[in-house]
Amino acid sequence: MDFQTFRLKAKDYPVFKYIDLLKWFPNDNEQTIKQNLKSWVKKETLERIIKGIYKLKETEIKEEFLLASYFNQSSYISLESALSFYGMIPEYSYSITSVTIKKTKKFTTNYGVFSYRKIKLDLFFGFKLITGDNYLYRIATPEKALFDFIYLNQREINTSDYFKEMRLTLPNDISWKKLSSLLSLLKKKVIISFLKSYVNGQ
């Protein structure tokens, strides 16, 4: 496998994994593939984003959320990133935030910080798929993004001022029926009153 043969295949993918190369070139020796990857990274025709995940140097990453999916496939975009995406809080640029059924983890890359907070398996729902050319990722619905944030931070939420400090704004089309159903899963039920008090006071 020479670089041009590899490039013709890889250029259709914004990012790819080492295991993808094993599928693309099943007749090539694994050790040779590893050596080629190291050589191309050294020559700066290939970029290693994190261990096992690469992109062609010439390829522009136009959608950072897709990287979050590649780093952890058992996850979906939620919390501050999703709330900001829906205009529910001011722009949040510190990191790309996701929830996962795996361990809480953080990756620091040239494309930003990607953080994952663990959530219970039975709460791993309430997201939609975003698809593009040879990629897809999951992002929470507005209701689930807010629930995830409250659920994972409920110990810190002691008054309605918490939501004021967030500068939380609920979209006109948010489903209160869905949100109420989700919030009923909270252990700290008083938070529901805090949220309603904040919204009614706006």
N, C-alpha and C. Protein backbone atom coordinates (compact mmCIF):
# COMPACT_ATOMS: atom_id res chain seq x y z
N MET A 1 0.84 -1.20 0.00
CA MET A 1 0.00 0.00 0.00
C MET A 1 0.88 1.25 0.00
N ASP A 2 0.86 2.00 -1.10
CA ASP A 2 1.61 3.26 -1.13
C ASP A 2 0.69 4.39 -0.68
N PHE A 3 1.27 5.58 -0.51
CA PHE A 3 0.49 6.68 0.06
C PHE A 3 -0.66 7.09 -0.85
N GLN A 4 -0.45 7.13 -2.15
CA GLN A 4 -1.50 7.58 -3.06
C GLN A 4 -2.69 6.62 -3.04
N THR A 5 -2.40 5.33 -2.97
CA THR A 5 -3.49 4.34 -2.88
C THR A 5 -4.27 4.56 -1.59
N PHE A 6 -3.55 4.77 -0.51
CA PHE A 6 -4.17 5.04 0.79
C PHE A 6 -4.97 6.34 0.74
N ARG A 7 -4.40 7.38 0.16
CA ARG A 7 -5.04 8.69 0.11
C ARG A 7 -6.36 8.65 -0.64
N LEU A 8 -6.39 7.93 -1.76
CA LEU A 8 -7.62 7.83 -2.54
C LEU A 8 -8.77 7.26 -1.72
N LYS A 9 -8.44 6.36 -0.82
CA LYS A 9 -9.46 5.77 0.05
C LYS A 9 -9.79 6.70 1.21
N ALA A 10 -8.77 7.26 1.84
CA ALA A 10 -8.96 8.04 3.07
C ALA A 10 -9.57 9.41 2.83
N LYS A 11 -9.41 9.97 1.63
CA LYS A 11 -9.87 11.33 1.38
C LYS A 11 -11.39 11.47 1.47
N ASP A 12 -12.11 10.36 1.41
CA ASP A 12 -13.56 10.41 1.51
C ASP A 12 -14.05 10.41 2.96
N TYR A 13 -13.12 10.34 3.90
CA TYR A 13 -13.47 10.27 5.32
C TYR A 13 -12.82 11.43 6.08
N PRO A 14 -13.60 12.17 6.86
CA PRO A 14 -13.00 13.28 7.61
C PRO A 14 -11.95 12.82 8.61
N VAL A 15 -12.23 11.72 9.29
CA VAL A 15 -11.27 11.06 10.19
C VAL A 15 -11.47 9.56 10.07
N PHE A 16 -10.49 8.81 10.52
CA PHE A 16 -10.61 7.35 10.42
C PHE A 16 -9.75 6.71 11.49
N LYS A 17 -10.01 5.45 11.74
CA LYS A 17 -9.29 4.71 12.77
C LYS A 17 -8.31 3.73 12.14
N TYR A 18 -7.36 3.32 12.94
CA TYR A 18 -6.40 2.31 12.50
C TYR A 18 -7.12 1.06 12.03
N ILE A 19 -8.18 0.68 12.75
CA ILE A 19 -8.91 -0.54 12.37
C ILE A 19 -9.60 -0.39 11.03
N ASP A 20 -9.89 0.86 10.62
CA ASP A 20 -10.48 1.08 9.29
C ASP A 20 -9.49 0.68 8.20
N LEU A 21 -8.22 0.96 8.42
CA LEU A 21 -7.20 0.60 7.43
C LEU A 21 -7.10 -0.91 7.27
N LEU A 22 -7.28 -1.63 8.35
CA LEU A 22 -7.24 -3.09 8.28
C LEU A 22 -8.39 -3.62 7.43
N LYS A 23 -9.51 -2.90 7.44
CA LYS A 23 -10.66 -3.30 6.62
C LYS A 23 -10.46 -2.87 5.17
N TRP A 24 -9.90 -1.68 4.98
CA TRP A 24 -9.69 -1.19 3.62
C TRP A 24 -8.63 -2.00 2.87
N PHE A 25 -7.62 -2.43 3.58
CA PHE A 25 -6.50 -3.14 2.95
C PHE A 25 -6.26 -4.47 3.67
N PRO A 26 -7.19 -5.40 3.53
CA PRO A 26 -7.10 -6.67 4.28
C PRO A 26 -5.92 -7.55 3.90
N ASN A 27 -5.36 -7.32 2.72
CA ASN A 27 -4.24 -8.16 2.28
C ASN A 27 -2.88 -7.61 2.71
N ASP A 28 -2.89 -6.44 3.33
CA ASP A 28 -1.63 -5.83 3.77
C ASP A 28 -1.26 -6.31 5.17
N ASN A 29 0.02 -6.42 5.40
CA ASN A 29 0.53 -6.83 6.71
C ASN A 29 0.28 -5.73 7.74
N GLU A 30 -0.20 -6.12 8.93
CA GLU A 30 -0.52 -5.13 9.97
C GLU A 30 0.70 -4.32 10.37
N GLN A 31 1.82 -4.96 10.47
CA GLN A 31 3.04 -4.26 10.88
C GLN A 31 3.45 -3.24 9.83
N THR A 32 3.25 -3.59 8.56
CA THR A 32 3.57 -2.66 7.47
C THR A 32 2.66 -1.44 7.54
N ILE A 33 1.38 -1.67 7.82
CA ILE A 33 0.42 -0.57 7.95
C ILE A 33 0.84 0.37 9.08
N LYS A 34 1.22 -0.19 10.21
CA LYS A 34 1.67 0.62 11.35
C LYS A 34 2.89 1.45 10.99
N GLN A 35 3.83 0.82 10.28
CA GLN A 35 5.05 1.53 9.89
C GLN A 35 4.74 2.66 8.92
N ASN A 36 3.81 2.38 7.99
CA ASN A 36 3.40 3.41 7.04
C ASN A 36 2.77 4.60 7.75
N LEU A 37 1.90 4.32 8.71
CA LEU A 37 1.25 5.39 9.46
C LEU A 37 2.27 6.27 10.16
N LYS A 38 3.24 5.65 10.81
CA LYS A 38 4.29 6.41 11.50
C LYS A 38 5.08 7.26 10.52
N SER A 39 5.38 6.68 9.36
CA SER A 39 6.16 7.39 8.35
C SER A 39 5.39 8.59 7.81
N TRP A 40 4.10 8.40 7.52
CA TRP A 40 3.28 9.48 6.96
C TRP A 40 3.04 10.59 7.98
N VAL A 41 2.92 10.22 9.24
CA VAL A 41 2.78 11.23 10.30
C VAL A 41 4.06 12.06 10.38
N LYS A 42 5.20 11.38 10.29
CA LYS A 42 6.50 12.06 10.36
C LYS A 42 6.69 13.00 9.17
N LYS A 43 6.19 12.58 8.00
CA LYS A 43 6.30 13.40 6.80
C LYS A 43 5.23 14.49 6.75
N GLU A 44 4.32 14.48 7.73
CA GLU A 44 3.25 15.47 7.87
C GLU A 44 2.25 15.44 6.72
N THR A 45 2.07 14.26 6.13
CA THR A 45 0.98 14.08 5.17
C THR A 45 -0.23 13.47 5.87
N LEU A 46 0.00 12.99 7.09
CA LEU A 46 -1.04 12.37 7.90
C LEU A 46 -0.95 12.96 9.31
N GLU A 47 -2.10 13.14 9.95
CA GLU A 47 -2.11 13.68 11.31
C GLU A 47 -2.71 12.65 12.27
N ARG A 48 -2.00 12.40 13.35
CA ARG A 48 -2.51 11.54 14.42
C ARG A 48 -3.20 12.43 15.44
N ILE A 49 -4.52 12.27 15.57
CA ILE A 49 -5.29 13.13 16.46
C ILE A 49 -5.17 12.65 17.90
N ILE A 50 -5.50 11.40 18.13
CA ILE A 50 -5.21 10.71 19.38
C ILE A 50 -4.82 9.28 18.99
N LYS A 51 -4.44 8.49 19.94
CA LYS A 51 -4.01 7.12 19.64
C LYS A 51 -5.08 6.37 18.84
N GLY A 52 -4.68 5.89 17.66
CA GLY A 52 -5.56 5.08 16.84
C GLY A 52 -6.51 5.83 15.94
N ILE A 53 -6.49 7.17 15.99
CA ILE A 53 -7.40 7.98 15.17
C ILE A 53 -6.59 9.01 14.38
N TYR A 54 -6.85 9.06 13.07
CA TYR A 54 -6.05 9.87 12.17
C TYR A 54 -6.92 10.66 11.20
N LYS A 55 -6.29 11.61 10.51
CA LYS A 55 -6.90 12.31 9.39
C LYS A 55 -5.80 12.69 8.41
N LEU A 56 -6.17 12.82 7.15
CA LEU A 56 -5.22 13.35 6.18
C LEU A 56 -4.92 14.80 6.55
N LYS A 57 -3.69 15.20 6.41
CA LYS A 57 -3.30 16.57 6.76
C LYS A 57 -4.09 17.58 5.93
N GLU A 58 -4.41 17.20 4.71
CA GLU A 58 -5.10 18.11 3.81
C GLU A 58 -6.59 18.26 4.13
N THR A 59 -7.13 17.35 4.93
CA THR A 59 -8.56 17.36 5.23
C THR A 59 -8.88 18.35 6.34
N GLU A 60 -9.90 19.17 6.10
CA GLU A 60 -10.32 20.15 7.09
C GLU A 60 -11.45 19.57 7.95
N ILE A 61 -11.33 19.71 9.26
CA ILE A 61 -12.39 19.27 10.16
C ILE A 61 -13.41 20.39 10.26
N LYS A 62 -14.56 20.19 9.63
CA LYS A 62 -15.60 21.23 9.62
C LYS A 62 -16.63 21.03 10.73
N GLU A 63 -16.67 19.85 11.30
CA GLU A 63 -17.66 19.53 12.31
C GLU A 63 -16.97 18.87 13.50
N GLU A 64 -16.72 19.66 14.55
CA GLU A 64 -15.98 19.14 15.70
C GLU A 64 -16.76 18.07 16.46
N PHE A 65 -18.08 18.13 16.39
CA PHE A 65 -18.88 17.15 17.11
C PHE A 65 -18.60 15.72 16.64
N LEU A 66 -18.25 15.57 15.36
CA LEU A 66 -18.01 14.21 14.86
C LEU A 66 -16.78 13.59 15.52
N LEU A 67 -15.82 14.42 15.91
CA LEU A 67 -14.64 13.90 16.60
C LEU A 67 -15.02 13.29 17.94
N ALA A 68 -15.97 13.91 18.62
CA ALA A 68 -16.42 13.39 19.91
C ALA A 68 -16.96 11.98 19.76
N SER A 69 -17.64 11.73 18.66
CA SER A 69 -18.20 10.41 18.39
C SER A 69 -17.09 9.40 18.10
N TYR A 70 -16.06 9.83 17.36
CA TYR A 70 -14.95 8.92 17.04
C TYR A 70 -14.15 8.56 18.28
N PHE A 71 -13.98 9.52 19.18
CA PHE A 71 -13.20 9.25 20.39
C PHE A 71 -13.90 8.28 21.32
N ASN A 72 -15.23 8.33 21.33
CA ASN A 72 -16.02 7.47 22.22
C ASN A 72 -17.36 7.19 21.55
N GLN A 73 -17.49 6.01 20.96
CA GLN A 73 -18.71 5.68 20.22
C GLN A 73 -19.89 5.39 21.13
N SER A 74 -19.63 5.17 22.41
CA SER A 74 -20.72 4.93 23.38
C SER A 74 -21.07 6.25 24.07
N SER A 75 -21.33 7.27 23.27
CA SER A 75 -21.57 8.61 23.82
C SER A 75 -22.48 9.40 22.89
N TYR A 76 -22.96 10.53 23.40
CA TYR A 76 -23.66 11.50 22.56
C TYR A 76 -23.39 12.90 23.10
N ILE A 77 -23.39 13.89 22.22
CA ILE A 77 -23.17 15.28 22.60
C ILE A 77 -24.31 15.72 23.52
N SER A 78 -23.98 16.33 24.63
CA SER A 78 -25.00 16.79 25.57
C SER A 78 -24.41 17.89 26.45
N LEU A 79 -25.09 18.14 27.58
CA LEU A 79 -24.60 19.10 28.57
C LEU A 79 -24.37 20.48 27.94
N GLU A 80 -23.28 21.17 28.29
CA GLU A 80 -23.09 22.54 27.83
C GLU A 80 -23.03 22.66 26.31
N SER A 81 -22.38 21.72 25.64
CA SER A 81 -22.24 21.82 24.18
C SER A 81 -23.59 21.75 23.48
N ALA A 82 -24.44 20.83 23.92
CA ALA A 82 -25.76 20.71 23.31
C ALA A 82 -26.64 21.90 23.68
N LEU A 83 -26.57 22.34 24.94
CA LEU A 83 -27.36 23.50 25.37
C LEU A 83 -26.97 24.73 24.57
N SER A 84 -25.68 24.90 24.33
CA SER A 84 -25.20 26.02 23.52
C SER A 84 -25.63 25.87 22.07
N PHE A 85 -25.58 24.65 21.55
CA PHE A 85 -25.99 24.36 20.17
C PHE A 85 -27.43 24.79 19.93
N TYR A 86 -28.29 24.58 20.92
CA TYR A 86 -29.71 24.93 20.80
C TYR A 86 -30.01 26.36 21.24
N GLY A 87 -28.98 27.12 21.61
CA GLY A 87 -29.17 28.50 22.02
C GLY A 87 -29.77 28.65 23.40
N MET A 88 -29.64 27.62 24.24
CA MET A 88 -30.24 27.63 25.57
C MET A 88 -29.31 28.26 26.61
N ILE A 89 -28.03 28.31 26.31
CA ILE A 89 -27.06 29.04 27.13
C ILE A 89 -26.13 29.78 26.17
N PRO A 90 -25.40 30.79 26.65
CA PRO A 90 -24.45 31.48 25.77
C PRO A 90 -23.42 30.50 25.21
N GLU A 91 -22.74 30.93 24.16
CA GLU A 91 -21.76 30.05 23.50
C GLU A 91 -20.77 29.48 24.51
N TYR A 92 -20.59 28.18 24.43
CA TYR A 92 -19.69 27.48 25.35
C TYR A 92 -18.54 26.90 24.54
N SER A 93 -17.34 27.39 24.78
CA SER A 93 -16.21 26.99 23.93
C SER A 93 -15.10 26.27 24.69
N TYR A 94 -15.29 26.06 26.00
CA TYR A 94 -14.20 25.44 26.77
C TYR A 94 -13.90 24.03 26.28
N SER A 95 -14.94 23.25 26.04
CA SER A 95 -14.73 21.88 25.57
C SER A 95 -15.98 21.38 24.87
N ILE A 96 -15.84 20.27 24.16
CA ILE A 96 -16.98 19.57 23.58
C ILE A 96 -17.44 18.57 24.64
N THR A 97 -18.66 18.72 25.11
CA THR A 97 -19.14 17.91 26.23
C THR A 97 -20.10 16.82 25.76
N SER A 98 -19.90 15.64 26.29
CA SER A 98 -20.74 14.49 25.96
C SER A 98 -21.04 13.70 27.22
N VAL A 99 -22.05 12.83 27.13
CA VAL A 99 -22.27 11.85 28.19
C VAL A 99 -21.99 10.48 27.60
N THR A 100 -21.62 9.55 28.46
CA THR A 100 -21.21 8.22 28.01
C THR A 100 -21.61 7.18 29.04
N ILE A 101 -21.71 5.94 28.59
CA ILE A 101 -21.95 4.85 29.53
C ILE A 101 -20.61 4.25 29.98
N LYS A 102 -19.52 4.81 29.45
CA LYS A 102 -18.19 4.38 29.87
C LYS A 102 -17.68 5.31 30.98
N LYS A 103 -16.42 5.18 31.32
CA LYS A 103 -15.85 5.99 32.40
C LYS A 103 -15.76 7.46 31.99
N THR A 104 -15.88 8.34 32.99
CA THR A 104 -15.65 9.76 32.78
C THR A 104 -14.22 9.95 32.28
N LYS A 105 -14.07 10.74 31.20
CA LYS A 105 -12.75 10.87 30.59
C LYS A 105 -12.64 12.19 29.85
N LYS A 106 -11.41 12.60 29.57
CA LYS A 106 -11.17 13.84 28.85
C LYS A 106 -10.00 13.65 27.87
N PHE A 107 -10.16 14.18 26.65
CA PHE A 107 -9.10 14.16 25.65
C PHE A 107 -8.74 15.60 25.29
N THR A 108 -7.47 15.90 25.28
CA THR A 108 -7.00 17.22 24.85
C THR A 108 -6.29 17.06 23.52
N THR A 109 -6.79 17.76 22.50
CA THR A 109 -6.26 17.61 21.14
C THR A 109 -6.00 18.99 20.53
N ASN A 110 -5.48 18.99 19.31
CA ASN A 110 -5.30 20.24 18.58
C ASN A 110 -6.63 20.85 18.18
N TYR A 111 -7.70 20.09 18.31
CA TYR A 111 -9.03 20.56 17.92
C TYR A 111 -9.89 20.89 19.14
N GLY A 112 -9.27 20.95 20.29
CA GLY A 112 -9.99 21.30 21.50
C GLY A 112 -9.99 20.19 22.52
N VAL A 113 -10.71 20.44 23.60
CA VAL A 113 -10.85 19.48 24.69
C VAL A 113 -12.19 18.76 24.53
N PHE A 114 -12.16 17.45 24.67
CA PHE A 114 -13.37 16.64 24.55
C PHE A 114 -13.58 15.92 25.88
N SER A 115 -14.66 16.26 26.56
CA SER A 115 -14.91 15.67 27.88
C SER A 115 -16.17 14.81 27.86
N TYR A 116 -16.11 13.73 28.61
CA TYR A 116 -17.20 12.76 28.68
C TYR A 116 -17.53 12.50 30.14
N ARG A 117 -18.81 12.62 30.49
CA ARG A 117 -19.23 12.32 31.85
C ARG A 117 -20.12 11.08 31.83
N LYS A 118 -19.87 10.20 32.77
CA LYS A 118 -20.58 8.93 32.80
C LYS A 118 -22.02 9.11 33.26
N ILE A 119 -22.91 8.39 32.60
CA ILE A 119 -24.32 8.38 32.96
C ILE A 119 -24.79 6.93 32.98
N LYS A 120 -25.82 6.65 33.75
CA LYS A 120 -26.30 5.28 33.85
C LYS A 120 -26.84 4.78 32.51
N LEU A 121 -26.70 3.48 32.29
CA LEU A 121 -27.15 2.89 31.03
C LEU A 121 -28.62 3.15 30.77
N ASP A 122 -29.45 3.11 31.83
CA ASP A 122 -30.89 3.30 31.62
C ASP A 122 -31.26 4.76 31.34
N LEU A 123 -30.27 5.66 31.38
CA LEU A 123 -30.50 7.06 31.01
C LEU A 123 -29.85 7.40 29.67
N PHE A 124 -29.33 6.38 29.00
CA PHE A 124 -28.67 6.59 27.71
C PHE A 124 -29.72 6.56 26.59
N PHE A 125 -30.44 7.65 26.46
CA PHE A 125 -31.48 7.78 25.44
C PHE A 125 -31.73 9.27 25.25
N GLY A 126 -32.67 9.60 24.37
CA GLY A 126 -33.03 11.00 24.18
C GLY A 126 -32.08 11.77 23.28
N PHE A 127 -31.57 11.12 22.25
CA PHE A 127 -30.67 11.79 21.31
C PHE A 127 -31.12 11.51 19.89
N LYS A 128 -30.60 12.30 18.96
CA LYS A 128 -30.90 12.10 17.54
C LYS A 128 -29.60 11.95 16.78
N LEU A 129 -29.68 11.36 15.60
CA LEU A 129 -28.50 11.14 14.76
C LEU A 129 -28.34 12.26 13.75
N ILE A 130 -27.15 12.78 13.66
CA ILE A 130 -26.79 13.75 12.63
C ILE A 130 -25.84 13.04 11.66
N THR A 131 -26.18 13.03 10.40
CA THR A 131 -25.37 12.31 9.42
C THR A 131 -24.82 13.26 8.36
N GLY A 132 -23.66 12.88 7.84
CA GLY A 132 -23.02 13.63 6.76
C GLY A 132 -22.30 12.67 5.85
N ASP A 133 -21.37 13.18 5.07
CA ASP A 133 -20.61 12.33 4.15
C ASP A 133 -19.65 11.44 4.94
N ASN A 134 -19.99 10.16 5.02
CA ASN A 134 -19.16 9.16 5.71
C ASN A 134 -18.93 9.46 7.19
N TYR A 135 -19.91 10.08 7.85
CA TYR A 135 -19.81 10.26 9.29
C TYR A 135 -21.20 10.40 9.89
N LEU A 136 -21.29 10.16 11.18
CA LEU A 136 -22.50 10.43 11.94
C LEU A 136 -22.13 10.64 13.39
N TYR A 137 -22.98 11.37 14.08
CA TYR A 137 -22.80 11.52 15.52
C TYR A 137 -24.17 11.70 16.17
N ARG A 138 -24.21 11.51 17.47
CA ARG A 138 -25.46 11.66 18.22
C ARG A 138 -25.42 12.96 19.02
N ILE A 139 -26.57 13.61 19.11
CA ILE A 139 -26.68 14.80 19.96
C ILE A 139 -28.00 14.74 20.71
N ALA A 140 -27.98 15.11 21.97
CA ALA A 140 -29.18 15.07 22.79
C ALA A 140 -30.24 16.03 22.25
N THR A 141 -31.50 15.69 22.48
CA THR A 141 -32.57 16.64 22.20
C THR A 141 -32.46 17.78 23.21
N PRO A 142 -33.11 18.92 22.97
CA PRO A 142 -33.03 20.02 23.94
C PRO A 142 -33.45 19.60 25.35
N GLU A 143 -34.55 18.84 25.42
CA GLU A 143 -35.05 18.40 26.73
C GLU A 143 -34.04 17.50 27.44
N LYS A 144 -33.44 16.57 26.69
CA LYS A 144 -32.51 15.62 27.30
C LYS A 144 -31.19 16.30 27.67
N ALA A 145 -30.76 17.26 26.85
CA ALA A 145 -29.53 17.99 27.17
C ALA A 145 -29.67 18.71 28.51
N LEU A 146 -30.83 19.35 28.72
CA LEU A 146 -31.06 20.06 29.98
C LEU A 146 -31.17 19.07 31.13
N PHE A 147 -31.88 17.97 30.91
CA PHE A 147 -31.99 16.97 31.97
C PHE A 147 -30.62 16.41 32.34
N ASP A 148 -29.83 16.04 31.34
CA ASP A 148 -28.50 15.49 31.62
C ASP A 148 -27.68 16.46 32.46
N PHE A 149 -27.75 17.74 32.09
CA PHE A 149 -26.98 18.75 32.82
C PHE A 149 -27.45 18.84 34.27
N ILE A 150 -28.76 18.90 34.46
CA ILE A 150 -29.30 18.99 35.82
C ILE A 150 -28.99 17.72 36.60
N TYR A 151 -29.17 16.58 35.96
CA TYR A 151 -28.96 15.29 36.63
C TYR A 151 -27.53 15.15 37.15
N LEU A 152 -26.57 15.54 36.32
CA LEU A 152 -25.17 15.37 36.69
C LEU A 152 -24.65 16.49 37.60
N ASN A 153 -25.45 17.54 37.78
CA ASN A 153 -25.03 18.65 38.64
C ASN A 153 -26.02 18.93 39.76
N GLN A 154 -26.93 17.99 40.03
CA GLN A 154 -28.02 18.28 40.96
C GLN A 154 -27.55 18.59 42.38
N ARG A 155 -26.40 18.10 42.77
CA ARG A 155 -25.89 18.42 44.11
C ARG A 155 -25.58 19.90 44.27
N GLU A 156 -25.21 20.55 43.16
CA GLU A 156 -24.84 21.97 43.22
C GLU A 156 -26.04 22.90 43.05
N ILE A 157 -27.19 22.36 42.66
CA ILE A 157 -28.36 23.20 42.38
C ILE A 157 -29.20 23.33 43.65
N ASN A 158 -29.10 24.49 44.31
CA ASN A 158 -29.79 24.69 45.58
C ASN A 158 -30.80 25.82 45.57
N THR A 159 -30.80 26.63 44.51
CA THR A 159 -31.79 27.70 44.36
C THR A 159 -32.04 27.91 42.87
N SER A 160 -33.06 28.71 42.58
CA SER A 160 -33.36 29.03 41.18
C SER A 160 -32.28 29.93 40.58
N ASP A 161 -31.47 30.56 41.45
CA ASP A 161 -30.39 31.43 40.95
C ASP A 161 -29.36 30.65 40.13
N TYR A 162 -29.29 29.35 40.36
CA TYR A 162 -28.34 28.52 39.60
C TYR A 162 -28.62 28.66 38.11
N PHE A 163 -29.91 28.64 37.74
CA PHE A 163 -30.29 28.73 36.32
C PHE A 163 -30.09 30.16 35.80
N LYS A 164 -30.24 31.14 36.71
CA LYS A 164 -29.99 32.54 36.33
C LYS A 164 -28.52 32.74 35.99
N GLU A 165 -27.65 32.15 36.81
CA GLU A 165 -26.21 32.27 36.57
C GLU A 165 -25.80 31.56 35.28
N MET A 166 -26.54 30.49 34.93
CA MET A 166 -26.30 29.80 33.65
C MET A 166 -26.73 30.64 32.47
N ARG A 167 -27.60 31.63 32.75
CA ARG A 167 -28.27 32.42 31.70
C ARG A 167 -29.07 31.50 30.78
N LEU A 168 -29.78 30.59 31.44
CA LEU A 168 -30.57 29.59 30.71
C LEU A 168 -31.77 30.23 30.03
N THR A 169 -31.97 29.88 28.78
CA THR A 169 -33.14 30.31 28.01
C THR A 169 -33.77 29.08 27.37
N LEU A 170 -35.04 28.86 27.64
CA LEU A 170 -35.71 27.70 27.05
C LEU A 170 -36.35 28.09 25.73
N PRO A 171 -36.14 27.30 24.68
CA PRO A 171 -36.74 27.61 23.38
C PRO A 171 -38.26 27.50 23.43
N ASN A 172 -38.93 28.25 22.57
CA ASN A 172 -40.40 28.26 22.56
C ASN A 172 -40.99 26.90 22.25
N ASP A 173 -40.26 26.10 21.47
CA ASP A 173 -40.80 24.80 21.06
C ASP A 173 -40.39 23.65 21.97
N ILE A 174 -39.80 23.96 23.13
CA ILE A 174 -39.42 22.87 24.03
C ILE A 174 -40.67 22.17 24.53
N SER A 175 -40.60 20.87 24.67
CA SER A 175 -41.75 20.08 25.13
C SER A 175 -41.71 19.97 26.65
N TRP A 176 -42.61 20.68 27.31
CA TRP A 176 -42.67 20.60 28.77
C TRP A 176 -43.12 19.22 29.22
N LYS A 177 -43.90 18.56 28.38
CA LYS A 177 -44.35 17.20 28.72
C LYS A 177 -43.13 16.27 28.79
N LYS A 178 -42.27 16.34 27.78
CA LYS A 178 -41.06 15.50 27.76
C LYS A 178 -40.12 15.89 28.89
N LEU A 179 -39.95 17.20 29.08
CA LEU A 179 -39.03 17.68 30.11
C LEU A 179 -39.50 17.27 31.51
N SER A 180 -40.79 17.41 31.75
CA SER A 180 -41.34 17.04 33.06
C SER A 180 -41.17 15.55 33.33
N SER A 181 -41.37 14.75 32.28
CA SER A 181 -41.20 13.30 32.42
C SER A 181 -39.76 12.96 32.79
N LEU A 182 -38.82 13.64 32.16
CA LEU A 182 -37.41 13.41 32.45
C LEU A 182 -37.05 13.88 33.86
N LEU A 183 -37.52 15.06 34.23
CA LEU A 183 -37.18 15.62 35.53
C LEU A 183 -37.74 14.79 36.68
N SER A 184 -38.78 14.02 36.40
CA SER A 184 -39.35 13.16 37.45
C SER A 184 -38.37 12.06 37.86
N LEU A 185 -37.32 11.86 37.06
CA LEU A 185 -36.31 10.85 37.37
C LEU A 185 -35.26 11.36 38.35
N LEU A 186 -35.29 12.65 38.65
CA LEU A 186 -34.32 13.23 39.57
C LEU A 186 -34.57 12.75 41.00
N LYS A 187 -33.50 12.56 41.73
CA LYS A 187 -33.63 12.25 43.16
C LYS A 187 -33.99 13.51 43.93
N LYS A 188 -33.42 14.63 43.52
CA LYS A 188 -33.63 15.91 44.20
C LYS A 188 -34.79 16.65 43.53
N LYS A 189 -36.02 16.29 43.90
CA LYS A 189 -37.23 16.78 43.24
C LYS A 189 -37.40 18.29 43.35
N VAL A 190 -36.85 18.90 44.40
CA VAL A 190 -37.02 20.34 44.60
C VAL A 190 -36.45 21.14 43.43
N ILE A 191 -35.54 20.54 42.68
CA ILE A 191 -34.96 21.23 41.51
C ILE A 191 -36.03 21.58 40.50
N ILE A 192 -37.06 20.76 40.40
CA ILE A 192 -38.16 21.03 39.47
C ILE A 192 -38.81 22.36 39.83
N SER A 193 -39.00 22.60 41.13
CA SER A 193 -39.58 23.87 41.59
C SER A 193 -38.64 25.03 41.31
N PHE A 194 -37.34 24.80 41.49
CA PHE A 194 -36.36 25.85 41.20
C PHE A 194 -36.44 26.26 39.72
N LEU A 195 -36.51 25.26 38.84
CA LEU A 195 -36.55 25.54 37.40
C LEU A 195 -37.83 26.28 37.02
N LYS A 196 -38.96 25.82 37.53
CA LYS A 196 -40.24 26.48 37.22
C LYS A 196 -40.26 27.91 37.74
N SER A 197 -39.71 28.11 38.95
CA SER A 197 -39.65 29.45 39.52
C SER A 197 -38.80 30.37 38.65
N TYR A 198 -37.68 29.85 38.16
CA TYR A 198 -36.80 30.65 37.31
C TYR A 198 -37.50 31.00 36.00
N VAL A 199 -38.12 30.01 35.36
CA VAL A 199 -38.78 30.23 34.07
C VAL A 199 -39.94 31.21 34.22
N ASN A 200 -40.74 31.05 35.26
CA ASN A 200 -41.89 31.94 35.48
C ASN A 200 -41.47 33.36 35.80
N GLY A 201 -40.26 33.50 36.32
CA GLY A 201 -39.78 34.83 36.69
C GLY A 201 -39.09 35.58 35.58
N GLN A 202 -38.92 34.93 34.43
CA GLN A 202 -38.23 35.57 33.31
C GLN A 202 -39.12 36.62 32.63
